[in-house]
Amino acid sequence: WGNIFVRDSFKDLDRSEILNDPKMRSVMHHDVMEELNEEILQ
């Protein structure tokens, strides 16, 4: 169970919780907008 569209450590969080936290929001920016690499995949 969890959100398949985010990183594993965020999968059980409500999306608004991620968006309202500056650190998690920054991580989400990185995961979506940077070139896909092994760290993002893993």
Full PDB file with SEQRES, HELIX, SHEET, SSBOND, CRYST1, ORIGX, SCALE, CONECT and MASTER records, all heavy atoms in Angstrom:
SEQRES   1 A   42  TRP GLY ASN ILE PHE VAL ARG ASP SER PHE LYS ASP LEU          
SEQRES   2 A   42  ASP ARG SER GLU ILE LEU ASN ASP PRO LYS MET ARG SER          
SEQRES   3 A   42  VAL MET HIS HIS ASP VAL MET GLU GLU LEU ASN GLU GLU          
SEQRES   4 A   42  ILE LEU GLN                                                  
HELIX    1 AA1 ASP A    8  PHE A   10  5                                   3    
HELIX    2 AA2 ARG A   15  LEU A   19  1                                   5    
HELIX    3 AA3 PRO A   22  MET A   33  1                                  12    
HELIX    4 AA4 GLU A   38  LEU A   41  1                                   4    
CRYST1    1.000    1.000    1.000  90.00  90.00  90.00 P 1           1          
ORIGX1      1.000000  0.000000  0.000000        0.00000                         
ORIGX2      0.000000  1.000000  0.000000        0.00000                         
ORIGX3      0.000000  0.000000  1.000000        0.00000                         
SCALE1      1.000000  0.000000  0.000000        0.00000                         
SCALE2      0.000000  1.000000  0.000000        0.00000                         
SCALE3      0.000000  0.000000  1.000000        0.00000                         
ATOM      1  N   TRP A   1       0.837  -1.192   0.000  1.00  0.00           N  
ATOM      2  CA  TRP A   1       0.000   0.000   0.000  1.00  0.00           C  
ATOM      3  C   TRP A   1       0.872   1.242   0.000  1.00  0.00           C  
ATOM      4  O   TRP A   1       2.017   1.225   0.437  1.00  0.00           O  
ATOM      5  CB  TRP A   1      -0.924   0.008   1.224  1.00  0.00           C  
ATOM      6  CG  TRP A   1      -0.182  -0.146   2.514  1.00  0.00           C  
ATOM      7  CD1 TRP A   1       0.339   0.854   3.302  1.00  0.00           C  
ATOM      8  CD2 TRP A   1       0.161  -1.370   3.161  1.00  0.00           C  
ATOM      9  NE1 TRP A   1       0.974   0.326   4.396  1.00  0.00           N  
ATOM     10  CE2 TRP A   1       0.878  -1.047   4.334  1.00  0.00           C  
ATOM     11  CE3 TRP A   1      -0.077  -2.720   2.860  1.00  0.00           C  
ATOM     12  CZ2 TRP A   1       1.362  -2.010   5.205  1.00  0.00           C  
ATOM     13  CZ3 TRP A   1       0.415  -3.665   3.737  1.00  0.00           C  
ATOM     14  CH2 TRP A   1       1.125  -3.300   4.896  1.00  0.00           C  
ATOM     15  N   GLY A   2       0.286   2.312  -0.537  1.00  0.00           N  
ATOM     16  CA  GLY A   2       0.986   3.587  -0.585  1.00  0.00           C  
ATOM     17  C   GLY A   2       0.819   4.246  -1.939  1.00  0.00           C  
ATOM     18  O   GLY A   2       0.197   3.707  -2.857  1.00  0.00           O  
ATOM     19  N   ASN A   3       1.388   5.441  -2.044  1.00  0.00           N  
ATOM     20  CA  ASN A   3       1.320   6.250  -3.263  1.00  0.00           C  
ATOM     21  C   ASN A   3       2.463   5.840  -4.194  1.00  0.00           C  
ATOM     22  O   ASN A   3       3.628   6.041  -3.869  1.00  0.00           O  
ATOM     23  CB  ASN A   3       1.429   7.730  -2.878  1.00  0.00           C  
ATOM     24  CG  ASN A   3       1.263   8.662  -4.051  1.00  0.00           C  
ATOM     25  OD1 ASN A   3       1.350   8.256  -5.208  1.00  0.00           O  
ATOM     26  ND2 ASN A   3       1.040   9.926  -3.760  1.00  0.00           N  
ATOM     27  N   ILE A   4       2.135   5.297  -5.359  1.00  0.00           N  
ATOM     28  CA  ILE A   4       3.167   4.834  -6.291  1.00  0.00           C  
ATOM     29  C   ILE A   4       3.841   5.972  -7.043  1.00  0.00           C  
ATOM     30  O   ILE A   4       4.809   5.745  -7.755  1.00  0.00           O  
ATOM     31  CB  ILE A   4       2.615   3.809  -7.309  1.00  0.00           C  
ATOM     32  CG1 ILE A   4       1.520   4.431  -8.179  1.00  0.00           C  
ATOM     33  CG2 ILE A   4       2.137   2.543  -6.620  1.00  0.00           C  
ATOM     34  CD1 ILE A   4       1.095   3.583  -9.364  1.00  0.00           C  
ATOM     35  N   PHE A   5       3.353   7.213  -6.881  1.00  0.00           N  
ATOM     36  CA  PHE A   5       3.881   8.339  -7.650  1.00  0.00           C  
ATOM     37  C   PHE A   5       4.950   9.145  -6.911  1.00  0.00           C  
ATOM     38  O   PHE A   5       5.407  10.166  -7.430  1.00  0.00           O  
ATOM     39  CB  PHE A   5       2.744   9.275  -8.070  1.00  0.00           C  
ATOM     40  CG  PHE A   5       1.707   8.595  -8.909  1.00  0.00           C  
ATOM     41  CD1 PHE A   5       0.438   8.337  -8.421  1.00  0.00           C  
ATOM     42  CD2 PHE A   5       1.995   8.192 -10.209  1.00  0.00           C  
ATOM     43  CE1 PHE A   5      -0.519   7.708  -9.194  1.00  0.00           C  
ATOM     44  CE2 PHE A   5       1.051   7.552 -10.989  1.00  0.00           C  
ATOM     45  CZ  PHE A   5      -0.217   7.308 -10.480  1.00  0.00           C  
ATOM     46  N   VAL A   6       5.330   8.716  -5.725  1.00  0.00           N  
ATOM     47  CA  VAL A   6       6.326   9.453  -4.940  1.00  0.00           C  
ATOM     48  C   VAL A   6       7.431   8.506  -4.478  1.00  0.00           C  
ATOM     49  O   VAL A   6       7.362   7.299  -4.707  1.00  0.00           O  
ATOM     50  CB  VAL A   6       5.679  10.152  -3.710  1.00  0.00           C  
ATOM     51  CG1 VAL A   6       4.686  11.228  -4.150  1.00  0.00           C  
ATOM     52  CG2 VAL A   6       5.010   9.140  -2.793  1.00  0.00           C  
ATOM     53  N   ARG A   7       8.426   9.056  -3.786  1.00  0.00           N  
ATOM     54  CA  ARG A   7       9.483   8.192  -3.274  1.00  0.00           C  
ATOM     55  C   ARG A   7       8.959   7.343  -2.115  1.00  0.00           C  
ATOM     56  O   ARG A   7       7.956   7.678  -1.484  1.00  0.00           O  
ATOM     57  CB  ARG A   7      10.734   8.978  -2.887  1.00  0.00           C  
ATOM     58  CG  ARG A   7      10.597   9.980  -1.805  1.00  0.00           C  
ATOM     59  CD  ARG A   7      11.943  10.548  -1.349  1.00  0.00           C  
ATOM     60  NE  ARG A   7      12.844  10.883  -2.432  1.00  0.00           N  
ATOM     61  CZ  ARG A   7      14.179  10.936  -2.312  1.00  0.00           C  
ATOM     62  NH1 ARG A   7      14.749  10.707  -1.153  1.00  0.00           N  
ATOM     63  NH2 ARG A   7      14.934  11.247  -3.336  1.00  0.00           N  
ATOM     64  N   ASP A   8       9.642   6.248  -1.850  1.00  0.00           N  
ATOM     65  CA  ASP A   8       9.176   5.264  -0.882  1.00  0.00           C  
ATOM     66  C   ASP A   8       8.970   5.864   0.504  1.00  0.00           C  
ATOM     67  O   ASP A   8       8.002   5.535   1.185  1.00  0.00           O  
ATOM     68  CB  ASP A   8      10.173   4.098  -0.818  1.00  0.00           C  
ATOM     69  CG  ASP A   8       9.599   2.899  -0.116  1.00  0.00           C  
ATOM     70  OD1 ASP A   8       8.590   2.356  -0.610  1.00  0.00           O  
ATOM     71  OD2 ASP A   8      10.139   2.514   0.935  1.00  0.00           O  
ATOM     72  N   SER A   9       9.843   6.754   0.934  1.00  0.00           N  
ATOM     73  CA  SER A   9       9.715   7.328   2.276  1.00  0.00           C  
ATOM     74  C   SER A   9       8.516   8.272   2.389  1.00  0.00           C  
ATOM     75  O   SER A   9       8.096   8.608   3.494  1.00  0.00           O  
ATOM     76  CB  SER A   9      10.997   8.057   2.674  1.00  0.00           C  
ATOM     77  OG  SER A   9      11.299   9.073   1.742  1.00  0.00           O  
ATOM     78  N   PHE A  10       7.911   8.666   1.264  1.00  0.00           N  
ATOM     79  CA  PHE A  10       6.736   9.540   1.272  1.00  0.00           C  
ATOM     80  C   PHE A  10       5.436   8.781   0.988  1.00  0.00           C  
ATOM     81  O   PHE A  10       4.362   9.356   1.030  1.00  0.00           O  
ATOM     82  CB  PHE A  10       6.857  10.627   0.196  1.00  0.00           C  
ATOM     83  CG  PHE A  10       7.955  11.640   0.406  1.00  0.00           C  
ATOM     84  CD1 PHE A  10       8.181  12.617  -0.550  1.00  0.00           C  
ATOM     85  CD2 PHE A  10       8.760  11.634   1.536  1.00  0.00           C  
ATOM     86  CE1 PHE A  10       9.180  13.566  -0.391  1.00  0.00           C  
ATOM     87  CE2 PHE A  10       9.771  12.568   1.710  1.00  0.00           C  
ATOM     88  CZ  PHE A  10       9.979  13.544   0.744  1.00  0.00           C  
ATOM     89  N   LYS A  11       5.524   7.503   0.663  1.00  0.00           N  
ATOM     90  CA  LYS A  11       4.391   6.783   0.098  1.00  0.00           C  
ATOM     91  C   LYS A  11       3.155   6.739   1.000  1.00  0.00           C  
ATOM     92  O   LYS A  11       2.033   6.642   0.519  1.00  0.00           O  
ATOM     93  CB  LYS A  11       4.793   5.366  -0.312  1.00  0.00           C  
ATOM     94  CG  LYS A  11       4.954   4.383   0.829  1.00  0.00           C  
ATOM     95  CD  LYS A  11       5.291   2.997   0.317  1.00  0.00           C  
ATOM     96  CE  LYS A  11       5.356   1.972   1.412  1.00  0.00           C  
ATOM     97  NZ  LYS A  11       4.045   1.645   1.985  1.00  0.00           N  
ATOM     98  N   ASP A  12       3.340   6.828   2.315  1.00  0.00           N  
ATOM     99  CA  ASP A  12       2.202   6.755   3.240  1.00  0.00           C  
ATOM    100  C   ASP A  12       1.727   8.124   3.716  1.00  0.00           C  
ATOM    101  O   ASP A  12       0.862   8.207   4.579  1.00  0.00           O  
ATOM    102  CB  ASP A  12       2.568   5.883   4.444  1.00  0.00           C  
ATOM    103  CG  ASP A  12       2.885   4.448   4.036  1.00  0.00           C  
ATOM    104  OD1 ASP A  12       2.158   3.902   3.185  1.00  0.00           O  
ATOM    105  OD2 ASP A  12       3.866   3.882   4.547  1.00  0.00           O  
ATOM    106  N   LEU A  13       2.283   9.176   3.145  1.00  0.00           N  
ATOM    107  CA  LEU A  13       1.917  10.530   3.552  1.00  0.00           C  
ATOM    108  C   LEU A  13       0.831  11.091   2.643  1.00  0.00           C  
ATOM    109  O   LEU A  13       0.783  10.786   1.454  1.00  0.00           O  
ATOM    110  CB  LEU A  13       3.138  11.454   3.489  1.00  0.00           C  
ATOM    111  CG  LEU A  13       4.334  11.066   4.368  1.00  0.00           C  
ATOM    112  CD1 LEU A  13       5.499  12.009   4.098  1.00  0.00           C  
ATOM    113  CD2 LEU A  13       3.956  11.079   5.836  1.00  0.00           C  
ATOM    114  N   ASP A  14      -0.007  11.932   3.220  1.00  0.00           N  
ATOM    115  CA  ASP A  14      -0.989  12.659   2.422  1.00  0.00           C  
ATOM    116  C   ASP A  14      -0.240  13.661   1.552  1.00  0.00           C  
ATOM    117  O   ASP A  14       0.742  14.253   1.979  1.00  0.00           O  
ATOM    118  CB  ASP A  14      -1.955  13.379   3.366  1.00  0.00           C  
ATOM    119  CG  ASP A  14      -3.077  14.036   2.607  1.00  0.00           C  
ATOM    120  OD1 ASP A  14      -4.074  13.357   2.318  1.00  0.00           O  
ATOM    121  OD2 ASP A  14      -2.942  15.236   2.297  1.00  0.00           O  
ATOM    122  N   ARG A  15      -0.707  13.868   0.345  1.00  0.00           N  
ATOM    123  CA  ARG A  15      -0.017  14.763  -0.589  1.00  0.00           C  
ATOM    124  C   ARG A  15       0.100  16.185  -0.041  1.00  0.00           C  
ATOM    125  O   ARG A  15       1.110  16.850  -0.230  1.00  0.00           O  
ATOM    126  CB  ARG A  15      -0.744  14.778  -1.928  1.00  0.00           C  
ATOM    127  CG  ARG A  15       0.072  15.431  -3.013  1.00  0.00           C  
ATOM    128  CD  ARG A  15      -0.497  15.128  -4.384  1.00  0.00           C  
ATOM    129  NE  ARG A  15       0.407  15.588  -5.398  1.00  0.00           N  
ATOM    130  CZ  ARG A  15       1.406  14.886  -5.898  1.00  0.00           C  
ATOM    131  NH1 ARG A  15       1.639  13.679  -5.464  1.00  0.00           N  
ATOM    132  NH2 ARG A  15       2.188  15.384  -6.827  1.00  0.00           N  
ATOM    133  N   SER A  16      -0.923  16.648   0.673  1.00  0.00           N  
ATOM    134  CA  SER A  16      -0.866  18.005   1.230  1.00  0.00           C  
ATOM    135  C   SER A  16       0.230  18.110   2.286  1.00  0.00           C  
ATOM    136  O   SER A  16       0.855  19.159   2.436  1.00  0.00           O  
ATOM    137  CB  SER A  16      -2.222  18.406   1.822  1.00  0.00           C  
ATOM    138  OG  SER A  16      -2.568  17.549   2.886  1.00  0.00           O  
ATOM    139  N   GLU A  17       0.478  17.022   2.999  1.00  0.00           N  
ATOM    140  CA  GLU A  17       1.558  17.006   3.994  1.00  0.00           C  
ATOM    141  C   GLU A  17       2.917  17.190   3.316  1.00  0.00           C  
ATOM    142  O   GLU A  17       3.777  17.927   3.804  1.00  0.00           O  
ATOM    143  CB  GLU A  17       1.524  15.686   4.771  1.00  0.00           C  
ATOM    144  CG  GLU A  17       2.437  15.640   5.960  1.00  0.00           C  
ATOM    145  CD  GLU A  17       2.318  14.332   6.731  1.00  0.00           C  
ATOM    146  OE1 GLU A  17       1.349  13.573   6.516  1.00  0.00           O  
ATOM    147  OE2 GLU A  17       3.210  14.062   7.567  1.00  0.00           O  
ATOM    148  N   ILE A  18       3.099  16.557   2.184  1.00  0.00           N  
ATOM    149  CA  ILE A  18       4.350  16.701   1.428  1.00  0.00           C  
ATOM    150  C   ILE A  18       4.486  18.130   0.904  1.00  0.00           C  
ATOM    151  O   ILE A  18       5.530  18.761   1.058  1.00  0.00           O  
ATOM    152  CB  ILE A  18       4.405  15.697   0.251  1.00  0.00           C  
ATOM    153  CG1 ILE A  18       4.357  14.255   0.768  1.00  0.00           C  
ATOM    154  CG2 ILE A  18       5.651  15.911  -0.604  1.00  0.00           C  
ATOM    155  CD1 ILE A  18       4.128  13.215  -0.313  1.00  0.00           C  
ATOM    156  N   LEU A  19       3.410  18.639   0.311  1.00  0.00           N  
ATOM    157  CA  LEU A  19       3.461  19.977  -0.284  1.00  0.00           C  
ATOM    158  C   LEU A  19       3.652  21.086   0.744  1.00  0.00           C  
ATOM    159  O   LEU A  19       4.239  22.115   0.441  1.00  0.00           O  
ATOM    160  CB  LEU A  19       2.182  20.253  -1.089  1.00  0.00           C  
ATOM    161  CG  LEU A  19       2.006  19.447  -2.365  1.00  0.00           C  
ATOM    162  CD1 LEU A  19       0.723  19.845  -3.067  1.00  0.00           C  
ATOM    163  CD2 LEU A  19       3.189  19.607  -3.296  1.00  0.00           C  
ATOM    164  N   ASN A  20       3.173  20.878   1.958  1.00  0.00           N  
ATOM    165  CA  ASN A  20       3.280  21.919   2.982  1.00  0.00           C  
ATOM    166  C   ASN A  20       4.578  21.873   3.773  1.00  0.00           C  
ATOM    167  O   ASN A  20       4.815  22.731   4.616  1.00  0.00           O  
ATOM    168  CB  ASN A  20       2.070  21.866   3.921  1.00  0.00           C  
ATOM    169  CG  ASN A  20       0.806  22.342   3.239  1.00  0.00           C  
ATOM    170  OD1 ASN A  20       0.832  23.279   2.454  1.00  0.00           O  
ATOM    171  ND2 ASN A  20      -0.300  21.676   3.502  1.00  0.00           N  
ATOM    172  N   ASP A  21       5.418  20.896   3.509  1.00  0.00           N  
ATOM    173  CA  ASP A  21       6.716  20.800   4.188  1.00  0.00           C  
ATOM    174  C   ASP A  21       7.814  21.218   3.209  1.00  0.00           C  
ATOM    175  O   ASP A  21       8.015  20.557   2.189  1.00  0.00           O  
ATOM    176  CB  ASP A  21       6.943  19.364   4.662  1.00  0.00           C  
ATOM    177  CG  ASP A  21       8.247  19.216   5.422  1.00  0.00           C  
ATOM    178  OD1 ASP A  21       9.322  19.232   4.775  1.00  0.00           O  
ATOM    179  OD2 ASP A  21       8.194  19.082   6.658  1.00  0.00           O  
ATOM    180  N   PRO A  22       8.539  22.313   3.496  1.00  0.00           N  
ATOM    181  CA  PRO A  22       9.547  22.809   2.542  1.00  0.00           C  
ATOM    182  C   PRO A  22      10.606  21.781   2.159  1.00  0.00           C  
ATOM    183  O   PRO A  22      10.996  21.700   0.989  1.00  0.00           O  
ATOM    184  CB  PRO A  22      10.184  24.002   3.270  1.00  0.00           C  
ATOM    185  CG  PRO A  22       9.181  24.412   4.296  1.00  0.00           C  
ATOM    186  CD  PRO A  22       8.431  23.171   4.681  1.00  0.00           C  
ATOM    187  N   LYS A  23      11.063  20.977   3.108  1.00  0.00           N  
ATOM    188  CA  LYS A  23      12.108  19.983   2.800  1.00  0.00           C  
ATOM    189  C   LYS A  23      11.565  18.883   1.889  1.00  0.00           C  
ATOM    190  O   LYS A  23      12.213  18.491   0.923  1.00  0.00           O  
ATOM    191  CB  LYS A  23      12.670  19.387   4.086  1.00  0.00           C  
ATOM    192  CG  LYS A  23      13.559  20.337   4.854  1.00  0.00           C  
ATOM    193  CD  LYS A  23      14.147  19.685   6.077  1.00  0.00           C  
ATOM    194  CE  LYS A  23      14.993  20.703   6.843  1.00  0.00           C  
ATOM    195  NZ  LYS A  23      15.446  20.186   8.125  1.00  0.00           N  
ATOM    196  N   MET A  24      10.384  18.385   2.222  1.00  0.00           N  
ATOM    197  CA  MET A  24       9.802  17.328   1.391  1.00  0.00           C  
ATOM    198  C   MET A  24       9.444  17.866   0.011  1.00  0.00           C  
ATOM    199  O   MET A  24       9.606  17.166  -0.994  1.00  0.00           O  
ATOM    200  CB  MET A  24       8.567  16.727   2.074  1.00  0.00           C  
ATOM    201  CG  MET A  24       8.905  15.845   3.254  1.00  0.00           C  
ATOM    202  SD  MET A  24       7.517  14.835   3.811  1.00  0.00           S  
ATOM    203  CE  MET A  24       6.597  16.021   4.778  1.00  0.00           C  
ATOM    204  N   ARG A  25       8.979  19.092  -0.048  1.00  0.00           N  
ATOM    205  CA  ARG A  25       8.648  19.711  -1.333  1.00  0.00           C  
ATOM    206  C   ARG A  25       9.898  19.827  -2.203  1.00  0.00           C  
ATOM    207  O   ARG A  25       9.865  19.547  -3.403  1.00  0.00           O  
ATOM    208  CB  ARG A  25       8.028  21.082  -1.077  1.00  0.00           C  
ATOM    209  CG  ARG A  25       7.191  21.597  -2.193  1.00  0.00           C  
ATOM    210  CD  ARG A  25       6.374  22.812  -1.817  1.00  0.00           C  
ATOM    211  NE  ARG A  25       7.159  23.867  -1.231  1.00  0.00           N  
ATOM    212  CZ  ARG A  25       6.939  24.378  -0.021  1.00  0.00           C  
ATOM    213  NH1 ARG A  25       5.967  23.910   0.735  1.00  0.00           N  
ATOM    214  NH2 ARG A  25       7.692  25.358   0.438  1.00  0.00           N  
ATOM    215  N   SER A  26      10.998  20.182  -1.591  1.00  0.00           N  
ATOM    216  CA  SER A  26      12.259  20.294  -2.318  1.00  0.00           C  
ATOM    217  C   SER A  26      12.704  18.933  -2.860  1.00  0.00           C  
ATOM    218  O   SER A  26      13.178  18.817  -3.993  1.00  0.00           O  
ATOM    219  CB  SER A  26      13.337  20.873  -1.388  1.00  0.00           C  
ATOM    220  OG  SER A  26      14.574  20.900  -2.030  1.00  0.00           O  
ATOM    221  N   VAL A  27      12.527  17.895  -2.058  1.00  0.00           N  
ATOM    222  CA  VAL A  27      12.859  16.530  -2.491  1.00  0.00           C  
ATOM    223  C   VAL A  27      11.968  16.128  -3.668  1.00  0.00           C  
ATOM    224  O   VAL A  27      12.433  15.529  -4.643  1.00  0.00           O  
ATOM    225  CB  VAL A  27      12.723  15.533  -1.317  1.00  0.00           C  
ATOM    226  CG1 VAL A  27      12.795  14.094  -1.806  1.00  0.00           C  
ATOM    227  CG2 VAL A  27      13.796  15.793  -0.270  1.00  0.00           C  
ATOM    228  N   MET A  28      10.700  16.488  -3.584  1.00  0.00           N  
ATOM    229  CA  MET A  28       9.778  16.151  -4.669  1.00  0.00           C  
ATOM    230  C   MET A  28      10.176  16.866  -5.955  1.00  0.00           C  
ATOM    231  O   MET A  28      10.139  16.266  -7.039  1.00  0.00           O  
ATOM    232  CB  MET A  28       8.353  16.513  -4.268  1.00  0.00           C  
ATOM    233  CG  MET A  28       7.322  15.978  -5.220  1.00  0.00           C  
ATOM    234  SD  MET A  28       5.677  16.179  -4.552  1.00  0.00           S  
ATOM    235  CE  MET A  28       4.729  15.672  -5.964  1.00  0.00           C  
ATOM    236  N   HIS A  29      10.568  18.135  -5.842  1.00  0.00           N  
ATOM    237  CA  HIS A  29      11.078  18.858  -7.017  1.00  0.00           C  
ATOM    238  C   HIS A  29      12.220  18.069  -7.656  1.00  0.00           C  
ATOM    239  O   HIS A  29      12.238  17.838  -8.862  1.00  0.00           O  
ATOM    240  CB  HIS A  29      11.642  20.226  -6.626  1.00  0.00           C  
ATOM    241  CG  HIS A  29      10.614  21.264  -6.372  1.00  0.00           C  
ATOM    242  ND1 HIS A  29      10.912  22.438  -5.753  1.00  0.00           N  
ATOM    243  CD2 HIS A  29       9.292  21.324  -6.653  1.00  0.00           C  
ATOM    244  CE1 HIS A  29       9.825  23.178  -5.660  1.00  0.00           C  
ATOM    245  NE2 HIS A  29       8.832  22.522  -6.192  1.00  0.00           N  
ATOM    246  N   HIS A  30      13.155  17.687  -6.824  1.00  0.00           N  
ATOM    247  CA  HIS A  30      14.334  16.955  -7.293  1.00  0.00           C  
ATOM    248  C   HIS A  30      13.926  15.661  -7.986  1.00  0.00           C  
ATOM    249  O   HIS A  30      14.400  15.351  -9.087  1.00  0.00           O  
ATOM    250  CB  HIS A  30      15.257  16.674  -6.104  1.00  0.00           C  
ATOM    251  CG  HIS A  30      16.380  15.758  -6.419  1.00  0.00           C  
ATOM    252  ND1 HIS A  30      16.295  14.391  -6.233  1.00  0.00           N  
ATOM    253  CD2 HIS A  30      17.612  15.998  -6.931  1.00  0.00           C  
ATOM    254  CE1 HIS A  30      17.425  13.827  -6.612  1.00  0.00           C  
ATOM    255  NE2 HIS A  30      18.237  14.776  -7.035  1.00  0.00           N  
ATOM    256  N   ASP A  31      13.049  14.891  -7.342  1.00  0.00           N  
ATOM    257  CA  ASP A  31      12.669  13.576  -7.867  1.00  0.00           C  
ATOM    258  C   ASP A  31      11.954  13.659  -9.213  1.00  0.00           C  
ATOM    259  O   ASP A  31      12.067  12.754 -10.031  1.00  0.00           O  
ATOM    260  CB  ASP A  31      11.771  12.842  -6.867  1.00  0.00           C  
ATOM    261  CG  ASP A  31      12.535  12.366  -5.641  1.00  0.00           C  
ATOM    262  OD1 ASP A  31      13.780  12.440  -5.634  1.00  0.00           O  
ATOM    263  OD2 ASP A  31      11.874  11.912  -4.682  1.00  0.00           O  
ATOM    264  N   VAL A  32      11.214  14.742  -9.426  1.00  0.00           N  
ATOM    265  CA  VAL A  32      10.415  14.863 -10.649  1.00  0.00           C  
ATOM    266  C   VAL A  32      11.147  15.628 -11.743  1.00  0.00           C  
ATOM    267  O   VAL A  32      11.076  15.266 -12.922  1.00  0.00           O  
ATOM    268  CB  VAL A  32       9.055  15.532 -10.337  1.00  0.00           C  
ATOM    269  CG1 VAL A  32       8.291  15.844 -11.617  1.00  0.00           C  
ATOM    270  CG2 VAL A  32       8.219  14.650  -9.427  1.00  0.00           C  
ATOM    271  N   MET A  33      11.866  16.685 -11.390  1.00  0.00           N  
ATOM    272  CA  MET A  33      12.392  17.616 -12.391  1.00  0.00           C  
ATOM    273  C   MET A  33      13.836  17.350 -12.828  1.00  0.00           C  
ATOM    274  O   MET A  33      14.221  17.745 -13.922  1.00  0.00           O  
ATOM    275  CB  MET A  33      12.292  19.057 -11.879  1.00  0.00           C  
ATOM    276  CG  MET A  33      10.885  19.458 -11.453  1.00  0.00           C  
ATOM    277  SD  MET A  33       9.653  19.351 -12.758  1.00  0.00           S  
ATOM    278  CE  MET A  33       9.788  20.962 -13.478  1.00  0.00           C  
ATOM    279  N   GLU A  34      14.626  16.695 -11.998  1.00  0.00           N  
ATOM    280  CA  GLU A  34      16.015  16.414 -12.375  1.00  0.00           C  
ATOM    281  C   GLU A  34      16.063  15.270 -13.376  1.00  0.00           C  
ATOM    282  O   GLU A  34      15.117  14.497 -13.510  1.00  0.00           O  
ATOM    283  CB  GLU A  34      16.845  16.055 -11.128  1.00  0.00           C  
ATOM    284  CG  GLU A  34      17.027  17.194 -10.149  1.00  0.00           C  
ATOM    285  CD  GLU A  34      17.871  18.338 -10.704  1.00  0.00           C  
ATOM    286  OE1 GLU A  34      18.767  18.072 -11.530  1.00  0.00           O  
ATOM    287  OE2 GLU A  34      17.611  19.487 -10.310  1.00  0.00           O  
ATOM    288  N   GLU A  35      17.195  15.148 -14.067  1.00  0.00           N  
ATOM    289  CA  GLU A  35      17.389  13.997 -14.957  1.00  0.00           C  
ATOM    290  C   GLU A  35      17.259  12.717 -14.132  1.00  0.00           C  
ATOM    291  O   GLU A  35      17.763  12.640 -13.015  1.00  0.00           O  
ATOM    292  CB  GLU A  35      18.789  14.042 -15.585  1.00  0.00           C  
ATOM    293  CG  GLU A  35      18.955  15.087 -16.666  1.00  0.00           C  
ATOM    294  CD  GLU A  35      18.157  14.778 -17.912  1.00  0.00           C  
ATOM    295  OE1 GLU A  35      18.077  13.590 -18.303  1.00  0.00           O  
ATOM    296  OE2 GLU A  35      17.591  15.724 -18.487  1.00  0.00           O  
ATOM    297  N   LEU A  36      16.597  11.729 -14.707  1.00  0.00           N  
ATOM    298  CA  LEU A  36      16.443  10.459 -14.010  1.00  0.00           C  
ATOM    299  C   LEU A  36      17.814   9.839 -13.792  1.00  0.00           C  
ATOM    300  O   LEU A  36      18.612   9.717 -14.725  1.00  0.00           O  
ATOM    301  CB  LEU A  36      15.563   9.506 -14.817  1.00  0.00           C  
ATOM    302  CG  LEU A  36      15.267   8.162 -14.161  1.00  0.00           C  
ATOM    303  CD1 LEU A  36      14.478   8.331 -12.876  1.00  0.00           C  
ATOM    304  CD2 LEU A  36      14.515   7.265 -15.129  1.00  0.00           C  
ATOM    305  N   ASN A  37      18.104   9.473 -12.550  1.00  0.00           N  
ATOM    306  CA  ASN A  37      19.379   8.829 -12.235  1.00  0.00           C  
ATOM    307  C   ASN A  37      19.127   7.674 -11.274  1.00  0.00           C  
ATOM    308  O   ASN A  37      17.996   7.426 -10.853  1.00  0.00           O  
ATOM    309  CB  ASN A  37      20.375   9.848 -11.653  1.00  0.00           C  
ATOM    310  CG  ASN A  37      19.849  10.515 -10.396  1.00  0.00           C  
ATOM    311  OD1 ASN A  37      19.217   9.886  -9.554  1.00  0.00           O  
ATOM    312  ND2 ASN A  37      20.097  11.814 -10.265  1.00  0.00           N  
ATOM    313  N   GLU A  38      20.182   6.973 -10.936  1.00  0.00           N  
ATOM    314  CA  GLU A  38      20.046   5.781 -10.103  1.00  0.00           C  
ATOM    315  C   GLU A  38      19.504   6.106  -8.717  1.00  0.00           C  
ATOM    316  O   GLU A  38      18.713   5.349  -8.162  1.00  0.00           O  
ATOM    317  CB  GLU A  38      21.409   5.079 -10.001  1.00  0.00           C  
ATOM    318  CG  GLU A  38      21.322   3.641  -9.547  1.00  0.00           C  
ATOM    319  CD  GLU A  38      20.523   2.746 -10.500  1.00  0.00           C  
ATOM    320  OE1 GLU A  38      20.492   3.004 -11.718  1.00  0.00           O  
ATOM    321  OE2 GLU A  38      19.908   1.783 -10.003  1.00  0.00           O  
ATOM    322  N   GLU A  39      19.901   7.233  -8.169  1.00  0.00           N  
ATOM    323  CA  GLU A  39      19.423   7.610  -6.822  1.00  0.00           C  
ATOM    324  C   GLU A  39      17.919   7.844  -6.840  1.00  0.00           C  
ATOM    325  O   GLU A  39      17.196   7.374  -5.957  1.00  0.00           O  
ATOM    326  CB  GLU A  39      20.158   8.877  -6.355  1.00  0.00           C  
ATOM    327  CG  GLU A  39      19.811   9.315  -4.929  1.00  0.00           C  
ATOM    328  CD  GLU A  39      18.771  10.422  -4.864  1.00  0.00           C  
ATOM    329  OE1 GLU A  39      18.629  11.190  -5.832  1.00  0.00           O  
ATOM    330  OE2 GLU A  39      18.073  10.501  -3.829  1.00  0.00           O  
ATOM    331  N   ILE A  40      17.409   8.548  -7.850  1.00  0.00           N  
ATOM    332  CA  ILE A  40      15.969   8.797  -7.954  1.00  0.00           C  
ATOM    333  C   ILE A  40      15.230   7.471  -8.140  1.00  0.00           C  
ATOM    334  O   ILE A  40      14.203   7.220  -7.500  1.00  0.00           O  
ATOM    335  CB  ILE A  40      15.660   9.774  -9.109  1.00  0.00           C  
ATOM    336  CG1 ILE A  40      16.191  11.177  -8.768  1.00  0.00           C  
ATOM    337  CG2 ILE A  40      14.164   9.825  -9.400  1.00  0.00           C  
ATOM    338  CD1 ILE A  40      16.127  12.171  -9.920  1.00  0.00           C  
ATOM    339  N   LEU A  41      15.744   6.615  -8.990  1.00  0.00           N  
ATOM    340  CA  LEU A  41      15.124   5.307  -9.209  1.00  0.00           C  
ATOM    341  C   LEU A  41      15.047   4.502  -7.918  1.00  0.00           C  
ATOM    342  O   LEU A  41      13.985   3.987  -7.556  1.00  0.00           O  
ATOM    343  CB  LEU A  41      15.940   4.495 -10.222  1.00  0.00           C  
ATOM    344  CG  LEU A  41      15.662   4.697 -11.692  1.00  0.00           C  
ATOM    345  CD1 LEU A  41      16.678   3.926 -12.511  1.00  0.00           C  
ATOM    346  CD2 LEU A  41      14.245   4.273 -12.048  1.00  0.00           C  
ATOM    347  N   GLN A  42      16.169   4.381  -7.234  1.00  0.00           N  
ATOM    348  CA  GLN A  42      16.229   3.536  -6.034  1.00  0.00           C  
ATOM    349  C   GLN A  42      15.338   4.050  -4.910  1.00  0.00           C  
ATOM    350  O   GLN A  42      14.911   3.274  -4.055  1.00  0.00           O  
ATOM    351  CB  GLN A  42      17.677   3.406  -5.545  1.00  0.00           C  
ATOM    352  CG  GLN A  42      18.606   2.692  -6.504  1.00  0.00           C  
ATOM    353  CD  GLN A  42      18.246   1.225  -6.723  1.00  0.00           C  
ATOM    354  OE1 GLN A  42      17.609   0.584  -5.898  1.00  0.00           O  
ATOM    355  NE2 GLN A  42      18.662   0.686  -7.860  1.00  0.00           N  
TER     356      GLN A  42                                                      
MASTER        0    0    0    4    0    0    0    6  355    1    0    4          
END                                                                             
